[in-house]
Amino acid sequence: MKIKIFITGGTIDGVDYETEDQAPNNPKSVIPHLLENSRVSYDYDVEVFCLKDSRFIDDAERNSLLNKCKECPEGNILITHGSLTMPITAKFLGKAKLQKTIILVASIIPGNMQNSDALFNIGFAFAASQLLPHGVYVTMNGKVFSWDNVRKNLETGYFEKER
């Protein structure tokens, strides 16, 4: 099984800014390094879709990401994403009802920082992608959430069911 990985930025990649004019000029993704360090033994293909703070990902970009998901031959897709708007992107992709297993994953502590949750979250996302049926999911901190029942609790920093 080959897994497609789309990188979009966010805290997992250390991409965090308050206004778009503060965006770094040439950010580099840490995700390939994290995958190497985690010793992932899957066949995977990484593509940098964008490197943005998720607050600045709009529906036009979500539509482009959806098209990338539709066009790629892989049936299992991981999307690294900023945690603030990850549920919005999950809902956008979930409504398309693709016959693929799509996992969105993030971290609360940047992947290049000590004590980051990024490696665990990525590893869990790889495992979840093998076990879950077709659909769109958010995986965070050892939990799996369906695209239509997930939110980030801004007070605790954890993801939880909406209802």
Protein backbone atom coordinates (compact mmCIF):
# COMPACT_ATOMS: atom_id res chain seq x y z
CA MET A 1 0.00 0.00 0.00
CA LYS A 2 1.31 3.45 -0.91
CA ILE A 3 0.22 6.50 1.06
CA LYS A 4 0.08 10.00 -0.39
CA ILE A 5 1.03 12.81 1.98
CA PHE A 6 -0.01 16.38 1.29
CA ILE A 7 1.72 19.02 3.39
CA THR A 8 -0.16 22.26 4.04
CA GLY A 9 1.88 23.85 6.85
CA GLY A 10 0.56 24.76 10.27
CA THR A 11 2.12 24.33 13.67
CA ILE A 12 3.27 20.78 12.87
CA ASP A 13 5.59 22.42 10.33
CA GLY A 14 6.39 25.42 12.52
CA VAL A 15 4.32 27.74 10.31
CA ASP A 16 2.54 30.24 12.55
CA TYR A 17 1.84 33.93 11.93
CA GLU A 18 -0.84 36.46 12.77
CA THR A 19 -1.17 38.24 9.41
CA GLU A 20 -0.39 37.09 5.89
CA ASP A 21 2.27 39.76 5.46
CA GLN A 22 4.18 38.02 8.30
CA ALA A 23 4.33 34.75 6.34
CA PRO A 24 7.90 33.50 5.86
CA ASN A 25 9.28 33.92 2.34
CA ASN A 26 10.72 30.47 1.76
CA PRO A 27 9.58 28.13 4.51
CA LYS A 28 10.87 24.56 4.46
CA SER A 29 8.79 21.64 5.62
CA VAL A 30 10.02 19.51 8.51
CA ILE A 31 7.61 16.68 7.62
CA PRO A 32 10.09 14.73 5.42
CA HIS A 33 12.61 14.87 8.28
CA LEU A 34 9.96 13.72 10.77
CA LEU A 35 9.01 10.82 8.52
CA GLU A 36 12.65 9.81 8.25
CA ASN A 37 13.15 10.05 12.03
CA SER A 38 10.00 8.07 12.76
CA ARG A 39 11.32 5.23 10.60
CA VAL A 40 8.06 4.88 8.68
CA SER A 41 8.41 1.68 6.68
CA TYR A 42 5.52 2.41 4.32
CA ASP A 43 5.88 3.34 0.72
CA TYR A 44 4.78 6.97 0.67
CA ASP A 45 4.93 9.98 -1.59
CA VAL A 46 5.19 13.48 -0.12
CA GLU A 47 3.93 16.59 -1.87
CA VAL A 48 4.09 20.10 -0.47
CA PHE A 49 0.69 21.58 -1.30
CA CYS A 50 1.38 24.82 0.57
CA LEU A 51 3.15 25.98 3.72
CA LYS A 52 0.67 28.27 5.42
CA ASP A 53 -0.71 29.07 8.79
CA SER A 54 -4.08 27.30 8.56
CA ARG A 55 -5.93 30.50 9.42
CA PHE A 56 -5.11 31.65 5.91
CA ILE A 57 -6.20 28.55 3.98
CA ASP A 58 -9.37 29.49 2.13
CA ASP A 59 -12.06 27.52 0.31
CA ALA A 60 -10.33 28.00 -3.06
CA GLU A 61 -7.26 26.25 -1.65
CA ARG A 62 -9.43 23.60 -0.02
CA ASN A 63 -11.01 22.97 -3.42
CA SER A 64 -7.55 22.61 -4.98
CA LEU A 65 -6.60 20.18 -2.21
CA LEU A 66 -9.80 18.23 -2.86
CA ASN A 67 -8.87 18.02 -6.55
CA LYS A 68 -5.39 16.75 -5.59
CA CYS A 69 -7.04 14.06 -3.47
CA LYS A 70 -9.34 13.08 -6.34
CA GLU A 71 -6.52 12.97 -8.89
CA CYS A 72 -3.90 11.04 -6.94
CA PRO A 73 -3.96 7.28 -7.53
CA GLU A 74 -3.43 6.42 -3.88
CA GLY A 75 -6.44 5.30 -1.88
CA ASN A 76 -4.93 6.39 1.42
CA ILE A 77 -4.02 10.03 1.99
CA LEU A 78 -2.52 11.88 4.96
CA ILE A 79 -2.77 15.66 5.10
CA THR A 80 -0.62 17.56 7.56
CA HIS A 81 -2.52 20.68 8.53
CA GLY A 82 -2.69 23.48 11.06
CA SER A 83 -4.92 22.60 13.98
CA LEU A 84 -6.97 25.81 14.07
CA THR A 85 -8.88 25.18 10.85
CA MET A 86 -8.31 21.45 10.39
CA PRO A 87 -11.98 20.65 11.21
CA ILE A 88 -13.09 23.11 8.50
CA THR A 89 -10.90 21.41 5.90
CA ALA A 90 -12.05 17.98 7.09
CA LYS A 91 -15.69 18.99 6.62
CA PHE A 92 -14.94 20.44 3.17
CA LEU A 93 -13.25 17.21 2.05
CA GLY A 94 -15.74 14.93 3.81
CA LYS A 95 -18.71 16.36 1.96
CA ALA A 96 -17.14 15.17 -1.32
CA LYS A 97 -17.55 11.52 -0.22
CA LEU A 98 -14.44 10.28 -2.03
CA GLN A 99 -13.85 6.54 -2.03
CA LYS A 100 -10.53 7.03 -0.25
CA THR A 101 -9.34 7.10 3.34
CA ILE A 102 -8.17 10.63 4.11
CA ILE A 103 -6.57 11.45 7.45
CA LEU A 104 -5.87 15.02 8.57
CA VAL A 105 -3.22 15.36 11.25
CA ALA A 106 -1.56 18.21 13.10
CA SER A 107 0.39 18.91 16.25
CA ILE A 108 0.07 21.41 19.04
CA ILE A 109 3.84 21.71 19.49
CA PRO A 110 5.90 22.30 16.30
CA GLY A 111 7.53 19.20 14.86
CA ASN A 112 11.01 20.64 15.21
CA MET A 113 10.62 21.43 18.93
CA GLN A 114 11.49 19.25 21.90
CA ASN A 115 8.51 17.33 23.35
CA SER A 116 6.49 17.78 20.16
CA ASP A 117 3.44 15.60 19.66
CA ALA A 118 4.10 15.56 15.90
CA LEU A 119 5.87 12.17 15.64
CA PHE A 120 3.22 10.40 17.70
CA ASN A 121 0.38 12.04 15.77
CA ILE A 122 1.93 11.19 12.39
CA GLY A 123 2.55 7.58 13.43
CA PHE A 124 -0.99 7.27 14.70
CA ALA A 125 -2.30 8.75 11.42
CA PHE A 126 -0.37 6.13 9.42
CA ALA A 127 -1.88 3.34 11.53
CA ALA A 128 -5.37 4.81 11.31
CA SER A 129 -5.13 5.07 7.52
CA GLN A 130 -4.70 1.29 7.33
CA LEU A 131 -7.57 0.45 9.64
CA LEU A 132 -10.32 2.93 8.84
CA PRO A 133 -12.84 2.55 6.01
CA HIS A 134 -13.15 5.13 3.27
CA GLY A 135 -13.96 8.55 4.64
CA VAL A 136 -12.33 11.66 6.06
CA TYR A 137 -10.97 11.68 9.59
CA VAL A 138 -9.02 13.86 11.98
CA THR A 139 -6.51 12.01 14.16
CA MET A 140 -5.02 13.80 17.14
CA ASN A 141 -3.46 12.66 20.40
CA GLY A 142 -4.44 9.02 19.94
CA LYS A 143 -8.05 9.71 19.01
CA VAL A 144 -9.93 9.41 15.72
CA PHE A 145 -12.72 11.81 14.79
CA SER A 146 -15.09 11.66 11.85
CA TRP A 147 -15.07 14.73 9.60
CA ASP A 148 -18.63 15.61 10.58
CA ASN A 149 -18.14 15.42 14.35
CA VAL A 150 -14.93 17.16 15.38
CA ARG A 151 -13.84 20.47 16.83
CA LYS A 152 -10.79 21.90 18.52
CA ASN A 153 -11.41 23.02 22.08
CA LEU A 154 -9.48 26.29 22.18
CA GLU A 155 -9.43 26.32 25.98
CA THR A 156 -7.83 22.89 26.41
CA GLY A 157 -6.02 22.63 23.07
CA TYR A 158 -7.48 19.15 22.54
CA PHE A 159 -9.78 17.90 19.81
CA GLU A 160 -13.17 16.54 20.78
CA LYS A 161 -16.49 15.50 19.33
CA GLU A 162 -18.86 18.37 18.54
CA ARG A 163 -21.88 16.49 19.85
